Amino acid sequence: MAKKGKGHKNRDSGEDRGAGEASFLAEYDEAEFPHPSLTVDVALLTATDDALHALLLRREGHPDMHKWALPGGFVRLDESLGEAAARVLREKVGLNGVFLEQLYTFGDPGRDPRTRVVTVAYYALVPSERLTAAGVPGGEASQLARMRVPWLGERGGPVEAIDGSGARLALAFDHAEILGMAVKRMRGKLDYAPIGFRLLPEVFSLRALQQIHEVISGRRFNKDSFRRRMLASGQLEATGERRTDVEYRPPELYRFVDAAE
């Protein structure tokens, strides 16, 4: 068998592969396959008045003009999905540095009448006090809508958005399904992830923590058993302080301790 000379290049070498890939990419026709458009939509959620609320923006143009939508936008070619979601919150809501997690990809071919649009949904959790301090919502084109969840547990499905007068809001695109998926995700993670703490200020009472858990889960908890479970979880640190702006016995205040840190 003839031996390869020293000058012979192994066809499997990295050098050959690199040259071959560079040639392939130089000749690649990106128009060969149709490209769907890619967007991000952010379900920004908070808890107030014993209910989950979502920030909605009124659409000023077609399609679905005057319907209410989640903050969203098209993904730029030079940014990641997470960067796009953070940009949407910054530009359309004026918020930075909030809890933001990827939720689900919605890609039904008919979800947007303009063209084939795939959206990667995120959900953001913000304490109501922070929204108030930031002036969110602002103006007539945005509002915090109460979410009415017509299903129990983690069954899932679309939810309804209710305005301050009790009227049901017309939601754009498939945003009712996106909000429903956010509720389903939160309920599924409530017992093993610090979801509830994301909706609370830095210090809080056990009563406020229980209210948040009840708002997310859609069910009531026994006060004593909930208190014992939370105190035994290792997630709470007593501050040594008590609330003073209440008429009843001032409750002790706690802060969240992240065991992963």
Protein backbone atom coordinates (compact mmCIF):
# COMPACT_ATOMS: atom_id res chain seq x y z
CA MET A 1 0.00 0.00 0.00
CA ALA A 2 1.37 3.36 -1.01
CA LYS A 3 2.14 5.74 1.79
CA LYS A 4 0.97 9.31 1.75
CA GLY A 5 3.75 11.80 1.23
CA LYS A 6 4.54 14.42 3.81
CA GLY A 7 2.96 17.09 1.61
CA HIS A 8 -0.34 15.20 1.25
CA LYS A 9 -3.21 16.77 3.23
CA ASN A 10 -5.52 14.50 5.14
CA ARG A 11 -8.99 15.16 3.74
CA ASP A 12 -10.35 15.03 7.30
CA SER A 13 -7.96 17.66 8.62
CA GLY A 14 -9.24 20.79 10.30
CA GLU A 15 -7.56 22.88 7.62
CA ASP A 16 -9.48 21.17 4.83
CA ARG A 17 -12.74 21.29 6.72
CA GLY A 18 -12.29 24.99 7.38
CA ALA A 19 -11.57 25.75 3.75
CA GLY A 20 -14.51 23.64 2.61
CA GLU A 21 -16.89 25.33 5.03
CA ALA A 22 -15.70 28.78 4.00
CA SER A 23 -16.33 27.89 0.36
CA PHE A 24 -19.78 26.49 1.19
CA LEU A 25 -20.77 29.58 3.14
CA ALA A 26 -19.54 31.88 0.38
CA GLU A 27 -21.84 30.17 -2.10
CA TYR A 28 -24.79 29.59 0.25
CA ASP A 29 -28.05 31.10 -1.01
CA GLU A 30 -30.04 32.25 2.04
CA ALA A 31 -33.06 32.90 -0.19
CA GLU A 32 -33.35 29.17 -0.92
CA PHE A 33 -35.56 28.65 2.13
CA PRO A 34 -38.35 31.04 3.20
CA HIS A 35 -37.59 32.85 6.47
CA PRO A 36 -40.25 33.31 9.16
CA SER A 37 -40.07 36.52 11.15
CA LEU A 38 -39.02 36.20 14.79
CA THR A 39 -40.40 38.24 17.68
CA VAL A 40 -40.36 38.25 21.47
CA ASP A 41 -43.39 38.96 23.66
CA VAL A 42 -43.11 39.60 27.39
CA ALA A 43 -45.87 38.79 29.88
CA LEU A 44 -45.05 41.32 32.59
CA LEU A 45 -46.90 40.20 35.71
CA THR A 46 -47.45 41.62 39.16
CA ALA A 47 -49.78 40.94 42.08
CA THR A 48 -52.08 43.58 43.50
CA ASP A 49 -55.58 43.70 44.97
CA ASP A 50 -55.43 39.93 45.61
CA ALA A 51 -55.07 39.06 41.91
CA LEU A 52 -52.45 38.61 39.22
CA HIS A 53 -52.25 41.55 36.84
CA ALA A 54 -50.56 41.84 33.44
CA LEU A 55 -49.26 44.98 31.79
CA LEU A 56 -50.99 45.50 28.43
CA LEU A 57 -50.34 48.04 25.70
CA ARG A 58 -53.02 49.21 23.29
CA ARG A 59 -52.06 48.67 19.65
CA GLU A 60 -52.09 51.88 17.64
CA GLY A 61 -51.84 50.27 14.19
CA HIS A 62 -52.89 47.26 12.16
CA PRO A 63 -53.20 44.35 12.62
CA ASP A 64 -55.50 44.10 15.64
CA MET A 65 -55.66 47.87 15.95
CA HIS A 66 -56.94 49.09 19.35
CA LYS A 67 -56.71 45.61 20.88
CA TRP A 68 -54.53 45.07 23.92
CA ALA A 69 -51.18 43.32 23.60
CA LEU A 70 -48.17 42.26 25.60
CA PRO A 71 -45.00 44.34 25.21
CA GLY A 72 -43.18 42.82 22.26
CA GLY A 73 -41.11 43.43 19.17
CA PHE A 74 -39.07 41.90 16.37
CA VAL A 75 -35.70 40.37 17.21
CA ARG A 76 -32.75 42.23 15.71
CA LEU A 77 -30.06 40.33 13.82
CA ASP A 78 -27.34 41.36 16.27
CA GLU A 79 -29.03 40.42 19.57
CA SER A 80 -29.90 37.27 21.45
CA LEU A 81 -33.47 36.40 22.42
CA GLY A 82 -32.86 37.40 26.02
CA GLU A 83 -31.35 40.70 24.93
CA ALA A 84 -34.37 41.36 22.73
CA ALA A 85 -36.79 40.68 25.61
CA ALA A 86 -34.81 42.96 27.94
CA ARG A 87 -34.77 45.69 25.26
CA VAL A 88 -38.55 45.45 24.85
CA LEU A 89 -39.05 46.00 28.57
CA ARG A 90 -36.58 48.88 28.58
CA GLU A 91 -37.94 50.67 25.50
CA LYS A 92 -41.67 50.05 25.88
CA VAL A 93 -42.07 49.90 29.66
CA GLY A 94 -39.03 51.69 31.05
CA LEU A 95 -37.88 48.81 33.26
CA ASN A 96 -34.41 47.34 33.69
CA GLY A 97 -33.04 44.53 35.82
CA VAL A 98 -36.26 42.61 36.48
CA PHE A 99 -36.74 38.85 36.77
CA LEU A 100 -37.08 37.61 33.19
CA GLU A 101 -37.34 33.99 32.08
CA GLN A 102 -38.02 32.34 28.73
CA LEU A 103 -41.47 30.81 28.70
CA TYR A 104 -42.50 29.08 25.46
CA THR A 105 -42.35 29.37 21.68
CA PHE A 106 -45.61 30.10 19.86
CA GLY A 107 -45.51 29.30 16.17
CA ASP A 108 -48.98 28.63 14.81
CA PRO A 109 -48.82 29.52 11.09
CA GLY A 110 -51.87 31.78 11.35
CA ARG A 111 -51.08 33.59 14.60
CA ASP A 112 -50.16 36.83 12.79
CA PRO A 113 -51.96 37.91 9.58
CA ARG A 114 -48.98 39.93 8.30
CA THR A 115 -46.66 37.03 7.59
CA ARG A 116 -45.25 33.88 9.17
CA VAL A 117 -44.26 35.11 12.63
CA VAL A 118 -42.82 32.91 15.38
CA THR A 119 -42.65 34.47 18.82
CA VAL A 120 -40.55 33.41 21.79
CA ALA A 121 -42.51 34.41 24.89
CA TYR A 122 -40.92 35.47 28.17
CA TYR A 123 -42.47 36.28 31.50
CA ALA A 124 -41.27 38.99 33.86
CA LEU A 125 -42.22 39.23 37.54
CA VAL A 126 -42.19 42.64 39.22
CA PRO A 127 -43.40 43.76 42.66
CA SER A 128 -46.31 46.16 42.37
CA GLU A 129 -44.41 48.72 44.47
CA ARG A 130 -41.69 48.91 41.84
CA LEU A 131 -44.20 49.46 39.05
CA THR A 132 -45.81 52.26 41.03
CA ALA A 133 -42.45 53.89 41.68
CA ALA A 134 -41.58 53.67 37.98
CA GLY A 135 -44.90 55.18 36.90
CA VAL A 136 -46.08 51.98 35.22
CA PRO A 137 -48.55 51.88 33.62
CA GLY A 138 -48.37 55.34 32.11
CA GLY A 139 -50.97 57.05 29.95
CA GLU A 140 -54.16 55.82 28.34
CA ALA A 141 -52.35 53.41 26.02
CA SER A 142 -51.26 51.05 28.79
CA GLN A 143 -52.90 49.47 31.81
CA LEU A 144 -52.55 46.77 34.41
CA ALA A 145 -55.31 44.30 33.66
CA ARG A 146 -56.54 41.80 36.20
CA MET A 147 -56.19 38.23 34.97
CA ARG A 148 -59.20 35.94 35.26
CA VAL A 149 -58.06 32.32 35.11
CA PRO A 150 -60.97 30.01 34.17
CA TRP A 151 -59.17 26.78 35.02
CA LEU A 152 -57.80 25.14 38.15
CA GLY A 153 -54.32 23.85 38.91
CA GLU A 154 -51.94 23.47 35.98
CA ARG A 155 -54.46 22.48 33.33
CA GLY A 156 -53.57 25.50 31.20
CA GLY A 157 -55.39 27.40 28.50
CA PRO A 158 -56.15 31.02 27.66
CA VAL A 159 -57.03 33.53 30.37
CA GLU A 160 -59.08 36.71 30.33
CA ALA A 161 -57.87 40.26 30.94
CA ILE A 162 -60.23 42.53 32.89
CA ASP A 163 -60.02 46.33 33.12
CA GLY A 164 -60.77 48.49 36.14
CA SER A 165 -64.50 48.63 35.38
CA GLY A 166 -64.79 44.85 35.20
CA ALA A 167 -65.02 44.71 31.40
CA ARG A 168 -63.22 42.06 29.44
CA LEU A 169 -60.44 43.40 27.22
CA ALA A 170 -59.94 42.21 23.63
CA LEU A 171 -56.45 40.74 23.40
CA ALA A 172 -54.38 40.82 20.23
CA PHE A 173 -53.02 37.76 18.42
CA ASP A 174 -52.62 34.74 20.73
CA HIS A 175 -51.70 36.76 23.81
CA ALA A 176 -54.48 35.20 25.90
CA GLU A 177 -52.71 31.85 25.39
CA ILE A 178 -49.33 33.36 26.24
CA LEU A 179 -50.70 34.76 29.51
CA GLY A 180 -52.28 31.39 30.29
CA MET A 181 -48.95 29.66 29.72
CA ALA A 182 -47.29 32.12 32.11
CA VAL A 183 -49.82 31.30 34.84
CA LYS A 184 -49.37 27.58 34.23
CA ARG A 185 -45.57 27.92 34.49
CA MET A 186 -45.78 29.93 37.70
CA ARG A 187 -48.12 27.44 39.33
CA GLY A 188 -45.90 24.56 38.30
CA LYS A 189 -42.78 26.16 39.79
CA LEU A 190 -44.34 27.67 42.92
CA ASP A 191 -43.41 24.79 45.25
CA TYR A 192 -39.78 24.38 44.18
CA ALA A 193 -38.61 27.76 42.84
CA PRO A 194 -38.67 31.24 44.43
CA ILE A 195 -41.46 32.45 42.14
CA GLY A 196 -43.53 34.04 44.91
CA PHE A 197 -40.63 36.11 46.22
CA ARG A 198 -40.19 37.79 42.81
CA LEU A 199 -43.52 39.58 43.34
CA LEU A 200 -42.66 40.90 46.81
CA PRO A 201 -40.58 43.85 48.00
CA GLU A 202 -37.20 43.20 49.63
CA VAL A 203 -38.77 42.78 53.08
CA PHE A 204 -42.21 41.32 53.64
CA SER A 205 -44.46 39.64 56.18
CA LEU A 206 -45.51 36.00 56.18
CA ARG A 207 -49.05 37.17 55.60
CA ALA A 208 -47.97 38.97 52.40
CA LEU A 209 -46.06 35.87 51.27
CA GLN A 210 -49.13 33.69 51.81
CA GLN A 211 -51.29 36.13 49.86
CA ILE A 212 -48.87 35.95 46.93
CA HIS A 213 -48.91 32.15 46.95
CA GLU A 214 -52.71 32.15 47.03
CA VAL A 215 -52.92 34.64 44.18
CA ILE A 216 -50.60 32.56 41.99
CA SER A 217 -52.07 29.16 42.81
CA GLY A 218 -55.71 30.23 42.84
CA ARG A 219 -56.41 28.43 46.13
CA ARG A 220 -56.35 29.12 49.86
CA PHE A 221 -53.80 27.83 52.37
CA ASN A 222 -54.08 27.12 56.06
CA LYS A 223 -52.29 29.96 57.84
CA ASP A 224 -50.47 27.87 60.45
CA SER A 225 -49.31 25.10 58.12
CA PHE A 226 -48.16 27.63 55.50
CA ARG A 227 -46.19 29.53 58.13
CA ARG A 228 -44.49 26.36 59.40
CA ARG A 229 -43.61 25.25 55.89
CA MET A 230 -42.10 28.59 54.93
CA LEU A 231 -40.08 28.94 58.13
CA ALA A 232 -38.71 25.43 57.67
CA SER A 233 -37.80 26.00 54.02
CA GLY A 234 -34.54 27.81 54.74
CA GLN A 235 -35.59 30.59 52.35
CA LEU A 236 -36.49 33.17 54.98
CA GLU A 237 -34.32 35.38 57.16
CA ALA A 238 -35.88 37.40 59.95
CA THR A 239 -34.97 41.10 59.81
CA GLY A 240 -35.78 41.78 63.45
CA GLU A 241 -38.18 44.50 62.30
CA ARG A 242 -41.96 44.75 62.24
CA ARG A 243 -44.46 46.61 60.10
CA THR A 244 -45.71 49.77 61.73
CA ASP A 245 -48.32 50.98 59.23
CA VAL A 246 -51.04 48.54 60.30
CA GLU A 247 -53.85 48.74 62.84
CA TYR A 248 -53.52 45.12 63.94
CA ARG A 249 -50.56 43.55 65.74
CA PRO A 250 -47.45 44.55 63.73
CA PRO A 251 -46.18 41.45 61.87
CA GLU A 252 -42.54 40.43 61.79
CA LEU A 253 -40.70 41.15 58.55
CA TYR A 254 -38.51 38.73 56.60
CA ARG A 255 -36.32 38.74 53.51
CA PHE A 256 -35.71 36.04 50.93
CA VAL A 257 -32.51 34.00 51.21
CA ASP A 258 -31.38 32.32 48.00
CA ALA A 259 -29.90 28.96 48.99
CA ALA A 260 -28.24 28.67 45.57
CA GLU A 261 -25.98 31.67 46.23
